[in-house]
Every structure is written in C-alpha cells, then in structure tokens.
Amino acid sequence: MHVLIVEDEVRLAQNLARAISKNAGFVVDVAPDGNDGLHLASSGAFDVIILDLMLPGLSGSELLSRLRAAGHKTPVLVLTAKEDKASVIGLLDSGADDYLAKPFDLGELLARVKALIRRSKGQASPSIAFGDLVLDINTRSVSRAGKPVELTPMEYRTLEYLMMHQETVVSKEELLEHLYDYNWEKFSNVIEVYISAIRRKIDTHASERLIHTLRGHGYMLRLGNGR
C-alpha cells in the first residue's frame, strides 16, 4: 500500500513515515506543504492520505476541497488541533473520511489508516481470502490451503495489492505506483520478477492457479481456470 503524508512539521512527518513503513510495511511519500501535497495527491497513486490542516502554501482544508472537487476518492485522514463538534462536522462534510486530534497515539493512527484502506477496498476484515489463499493485513502473513507461505516484503506488498483488487486487471504501471515512492528508479522488469516468485510459492503445488497474466494489460487474481 502507498501512503501520502502532507505535514509541514518535519520531525512529526518523519516519525509518521518511519512508523507506517516499519509497522505496516507501507510505502510512504511526504509532502512538506499544501501545494506539493495537492500535486502528489492528484496523481491518484495513493491508497490513503494523511493530511494536516495547518499547512504553508495551501491549507489542508483547501487541498481537500480541491481534491474532492476534481473527483479524487482517495481516503483522507485529517490531523487537526481542533476537536469541537462544529469543526469535526465541517471536516467530514468537506470530504474527510476520518480525523485525529493532536496529540495522538501512533498506534491509533496506524489502526485508522489500515481501516480506511480496508473499507476503501471493500474489505471490512483484516483477513482477506481468495479461494484457499488467505492474507492477514495486521500480521502480514499469507497461507494457502492452511499452509504458511513465506514471502519477501516486496512480494507480500505485490500480493496484498492484488488481493485488494480481486478479479480486476491490475497493470504493471499501477503496481509500480503503489510499491515504490517517487524517489525510486522504476526498473522495467521488477514486477515480472515479483509475480514469478509469488506464483512459484502459491501456485506450484496447488490444484488451481490463481495469478493470471493478461498480455499487454497486466495481472489478475482469478478463480475457475484450473491449472
């Protein structure tokens, strides 16, 4: 999963990015002001946005309004120093999906971020199943037919994204956008390498192949075609 943090307090932004990357295994980009935040958020490459309201350049409220006016539906968790009822109602009415009042607990923020991502993908539970393949977002573990599957962190992230988009074609470009931050050089064949490794681990000894390649289009998790 790919998270954007729009926060001008450098130390807070760094702490949030470190905690999300370490504890949730998500890729994180940071924007230090509202203008940069709007530019990145408008790309649509993120699964959730953590947005501070008090930003230089462009306020968080204005950023959120412009994002929603342009039709972007990425879940937004707002960080605010205001916790009065009228302010909260205003935030939610303007398009925020959730909020946390400063100061906040990092554990609670992580839980809310994960919940927003699950809901946006139509997954209420942290455990996602596809046939006999099961992925647990909280523990970052995978099993097939009850047997544990050992994946590298990048293999897990790739499979997690596919599991979040079951029976939907996912392009290589889409996977690259969600697996890497904007400073990473995107090698052309890295996705093929990950997919090949995941297939070897989950499909080789199974009765049914789950990961399918649609040449020229991308990849899909699909049931019903046997081996």
Protein backbone atom coordinates (compact mmCIF):
# COMPACT_ATOMS: atom_id res chain seq x y z
CA MET A 1 0.00 0.00 0.00
CA HIS A 2 1.08 3.57 -0.71
CA VAL A 3 0.55 6.41 1.79
CA LEU A 4 0.96 10.16 1.32
CA ILE A 5 1.69 12.32 4.38
CA VAL A 6 1.10 16.07 3.93
CA GLU A 7 2.69 17.63 7.00
CA ASP A 8 4.99 20.65 7.41
CA GLU A 9 6.35 19.67 10.85
CA VAL A 10 9.47 17.82 9.71
CA ARG A 11 10.01 15.73 12.82
CA LEU A 12 6.36 14.65 13.01
CA ALA A 13 6.31 13.77 9.31
CA GLN A 14 9.49 11.72 9.66
CA ASN A 15 8.16 9.90 12.73
CA LEU A 16 4.88 9.10 10.99
CA ALA A 17 6.63 7.88 7.84
CA ARG A 18 9.01 5.71 9.86
CA ALA A 19 6.22 4.19 11.97
CA ILE A 20 3.98 3.44 8.98
CA SER A 21 6.82 1.94 6.95
CA LYS A 22 8.18 -0.15 9.83
CA ASN A 23 4.95 -1.34 11.44
CA ALA A 24 2.62 -1.60 8.46
CA GLY A 25 5.10 -2.22 5.66
CA PHE A 26 3.57 0.53 3.51
CA VAL A 27 5.43 2.76 1.06
CA VAL A 28 5.33 6.39 2.22
CA ASP A 29 5.80 9.73 0.44
CA VAL A 30 5.92 13.05 2.33
CA ALA A 31 4.86 16.49 1.09
CA PRO A 32 6.02 19.46 3.24
CA ASP A 33 3.34 21.93 2.13
CA GLY A 34 -0.12 22.15 0.64
CA ASN A 35 0.95 22.85 -2.94
CA ASP A 36 3.28 19.85 -3.12
CA GLY A 37 0.63 17.79 -1.34
CA LEU A 38 -2.02 18.66 -3.91
CA HIS A 39 0.35 17.87 -6.79
CA LEU A 40 1.17 14.42 -5.41
CA ALA A 41 -2.36 13.64 -4.22
CA SER A 42 -3.77 14.48 -7.65
CA SER A 43 -1.75 11.65 -9.20
CA GLY A 44 -4.20 9.16 -7.69
CA ALA A 45 -1.35 6.79 -6.85
CA PHE A 46 -2.08 6.61 -3.11
CA ASP A 47 -4.25 4.30 -1.03
CA VAL A 48 -4.67 6.80 1.81
CA ILE A 49 -3.66 10.41 2.53
CA ILE A 50 -2.74 11.73 5.98
CA LEU A 51 -3.41 15.46 5.86
CA ASP A 52 -2.53 18.20 8.34
CA LEU A 53 -4.86 21.20 8.25
CA MET A 54 -2.30 23.92 9.08
CA LEU A 55 -0.01 23.96 6.06
CA PRO A 56 2.06 26.62 4.28
CA GLY A 57 1.17 27.47 0.70
CA LEU A 58 -2.24 25.85 0.60
CA SER A 59 -4.27 24.93 3.67
CA GLY A 60 -5.26 21.33 4.30
CA SER A 61 -8.93 22.28 4.05
CA GLU A 62 -8.43 23.88 0.63
CA LEU A 63 -6.34 20.92 -0.55
CA LEU A 64 -9.10 18.54 0.49
CA SER A 65 -11.78 20.64 -1.21
CA ARG A 66 -9.85 20.80 -4.48
CA LEU A 67 -9.11 17.08 -4.39
CA ARG A 68 -12.76 16.15 -3.92
CA ALA A 69 -13.93 18.73 -6.48
CA ALA A 70 -11.64 17.06 -9.03
CA GLY A 71 -13.30 13.71 -8.32
CA HIS A 72 -10.48 12.03 -6.38
CA LYS A 73 -11.84 9.49 -3.89
CA THR A 74 -8.65 8.52 -2.05
CA PRO A 75 -9.43 8.12 1.69
CA VAL A 76 -8.20 11.10 3.73
CA LEU A 77 -7.33 11.07 7.43
CA VAL A 78 -7.11 14.64 8.73
CA LEU A 79 -4.81 15.68 11.57
CA THR A 80 -6.25 18.64 13.43
CA ALA A 81 -5.74 20.65 16.60
CA LYS A 82 -9.49 21.36 16.66
CA GLU A 83 -11.80 18.83 18.25
CA ASP A 84 -15.01 20.82 18.75
CA LYS A 85 -18.14 19.33 17.23
CA ALA A 86 -18.65 22.05 14.60
CA SER A 87 -15.07 21.69 13.29
CA VAL A 88 -15.35 17.91 13.07
CA ILE A 89 -18.67 18.12 11.20
CA GLY A 90 -17.13 20.65 8.82
CA LEU A 91 -14.18 18.35 8.09
CA LEU A 92 -16.38 15.35 7.37
CA ASP A 93 -18.76 17.41 5.24
CA SER A 94 -15.86 18.71 3.14
CA GLY A 95 -14.72 15.21 2.26
CA ALA A 96 -12.54 13.89 5.08
CA ASP A 97 -13.03 10.19 5.85
CA ASP A 98 -11.68 10.29 9.40
CA TYR A 99 -9.77 12.60 11.73
CA LEU A 100 -7.39 12.55 14.68
CA ALA A 101 -6.88 15.42 17.10
CA LYS A 102 -3.30 16.33 18.01
CA PRO A 103 -1.58 15.00 20.03
CA PHE A 104 -2.45 11.46 19.01
CA ASP A 105 -1.24 7.91 19.61
CA LEU A 106 0.74 6.38 16.74
CA GLY A 107 -0.89 3.01 17.32
CA GLU A 108 -4.33 4.53 16.89
CA LEU A 109 -3.26 6.35 13.73
CA LEU A 110 -1.94 3.10 12.22
CA ALA A 111 -5.17 1.29 13.07
CA ARG A 112 -7.27 4.04 11.49
CA VAL A 113 -5.11 4.11 8.34
CA LYS A 114 -5.45 0.34 7.91
CA ALA A 115 -9.21 0.53 8.49
CA LEU A 116 -9.61 3.29 5.89
CA ILE A 117 -7.69 1.26 3.31
CA ARG A 118 -9.74 -1.87 4.03
CA ARG A 119 -13.03 -0.02 3.74
CA SER A 120 -11.99 1.70 0.52
CA LYS A 121 -11.24 -1.72 -0.99
CA GLY A 122 -14.49 -3.24 0.30
CA GLN A 123 -12.72 -5.30 2.96
CA ALA A 124 -14.17 -4.95 6.46
CA SER A 125 -11.92 -7.63 7.98
CA PRO A 126 -8.10 -7.52 8.27
CA SER A 127 -8.09 -11.07 6.88
CA ILE A 128 -8.61 -11.24 3.10
CA ALA A 129 -9.45 -14.54 1.42
CA PHE A 130 -9.41 -15.56 -2.22
CA GLY A 131 -10.26 -19.22 -2.68
CA ASP A 132 -7.95 -21.06 -0.27
CA LEU A 133 -5.45 -18.18 -0.26
CA VAL A 134 -5.60 -16.04 2.90
CA LEU A 135 -3.71 -12.83 3.65
CA ASP A 136 -3.76 -11.09 7.05
CA ILE A 137 -3.04 -7.37 6.87
CA ASN A 138 -2.32 -6.98 10.59
CA THR A 139 0.28 -9.77 10.82
CA ARG A 140 1.40 -9.52 7.18
CA SER A 141 1.14 -13.29 6.88
CA VAL A 142 -0.05 -15.44 3.97
CA SER A 143 -1.29 -19.02 3.79
CA ARG A 144 -2.71 -21.30 1.12
CA ALA A 145 -4.85 -24.32 1.99
CA GLY A 146 -3.88 -23.72 5.62
CA LYS A 147 -0.13 -23.87 4.95
CA PRO A 148 2.05 -20.78 5.61
CA VAL A 149 3.60 -19.10 2.57
CA GLU A 150 6.87 -17.24 3.14
CA LEU A 151 7.11 -14.07 1.05
CA THR A 152 9.68 -11.30 0.96
CA PRO A 153 8.39 -7.82 1.95
CA MET A 154 8.06 -6.72 -1.70
CA GLU A 155 6.41 -9.99 -2.73
CA TYR A 156 3.94 -9.54 0.12
CA ARG A 157 3.13 -5.95 -0.93
CA THR A 158 2.57 -7.08 -4.51
CA LEU A 159 0.24 -9.89 -3.47
CA GLU A 160 -1.55 -7.64 -0.97
CA TYR A 161 -2.38 -5.17 -3.74
CA LEU A 162 -3.66 -7.95 -5.99
CA MET A 163 -5.75 -9.33 -3.12
CA MET A 164 -7.24 -5.88 -2.61
CA HIS A 165 -8.24 -5.87 -6.29
CA GLN A 166 -9.54 -9.41 -6.77
CA GLU A 167 -10.79 -10.35 -10.25
CA THR A 168 -9.70 -6.93 -11.53
CA VAL A 169 -6.96 -6.32 -14.09
CA VAL A 170 -4.00 -4.57 -12.43
CA SER A 171 -1.42 -3.08 -14.78
CA LYS A 172 2.31 -3.18 -14.21
CA GLU A 173 2.35 0.63 -14.02
CA GLU A 174 -0.33 0.60 -11.30
CA LEU A 175 1.68 -1.87 -9.25
CA LEU A 176 4.83 0.23 -9.62
CA GLU A 177 2.99 3.35 -8.40
CA HIS A 178 1.79 1.56 -5.27
CA LEU A 179 5.00 -0.32 -4.48
CA TYR A 180 7.54 2.49 -4.75
CA ASP A 181 7.89 6.07 -3.59
CA TYR A 182 8.60 8.85 -6.06
CA ASN A 183 12.36 8.77 -5.48
CA TRP A 184 12.77 5.16 -6.59
CA GLU A 185 14.05 4.31 -10.03
CA LYS A 186 11.36 2.06 -11.50
CA PHE A 187 13.12 -0.82 -13.23
CA SER A 188 11.13 -2.21 -16.12
CA ASN A 189 11.16 -5.90 -15.18
CA VAL A 190 10.90 -5.79 -11.39
CA ILE A 191 7.16 -6.53 -11.33
CA GLU A 192 7.62 -9.59 -13.54
CA VAL A 193 10.25 -10.85 -11.08
CA TYR A 194 7.90 -10.44 -8.09
CA ILE A 195 4.95 -12.06 -9.86
CA SER A 196 7.08 -15.01 -10.94
CA ALA A 197 8.30 -15.56 -7.37
CA ILE A 198 4.79 -15.30 -5.90
CA ARG A 199 3.44 -17.77 -8.46
CA ARG A 200 6.19 -20.23 -7.61
CA LYS A 201 5.30 -20.03 -3.93
CA ILE A 202 1.49 -20.13 -4.06
CA ASP A 203 0.61 -21.88 -7.34
CA THR A 204 3.25 -24.55 -7.99
CA HIS A 205 1.81 -27.28 -5.76
CA ALA A 206 -1.83 -26.15 -5.81
CA SER A 207 -4.65 -27.67 -7.83
CA GLU A 208 -5.73 -24.29 -9.16
CA ARG A 209 -3.66 -21.42 -10.50
CA LEU A 210 -4.71 -18.05 -9.04
CA ILE A 211 -2.43 -15.43 -10.63
CA HIS A 212 -3.05 -14.89 -14.33
CA THR A 213 -1.19 -12.70 -16.83
CA LEU A 214 -3.23 -10.80 -19.40
CA ARG A 215 -0.64 -9.94 -22.01
CA GLY A 216 -0.49 -6.25 -22.74
CA HIS A 217 -2.82 -5.45 -19.86
CA GLY A 218 -1.45 -6.70 -16.54
CA TYR A 219 -2.29 -9.29 -13.91
CA MET A 220 -5.41 -10.67 -12.27
CA LEU A 221 -6.34 -12.90 -9.35
CA ARG A 222 -8.97 -15.20 -10.83
CA LEU A 223 -10.64 -18.50 -9.93
CA GLY A 224 -12.09 -21.18 -12.16
CA ASN A 225 -9.47 -21.92 -14.78
CA GLY A 226 -7.71 -24.83 -13.13
CA ARG A 227 -4.01 -25.19 -13.98
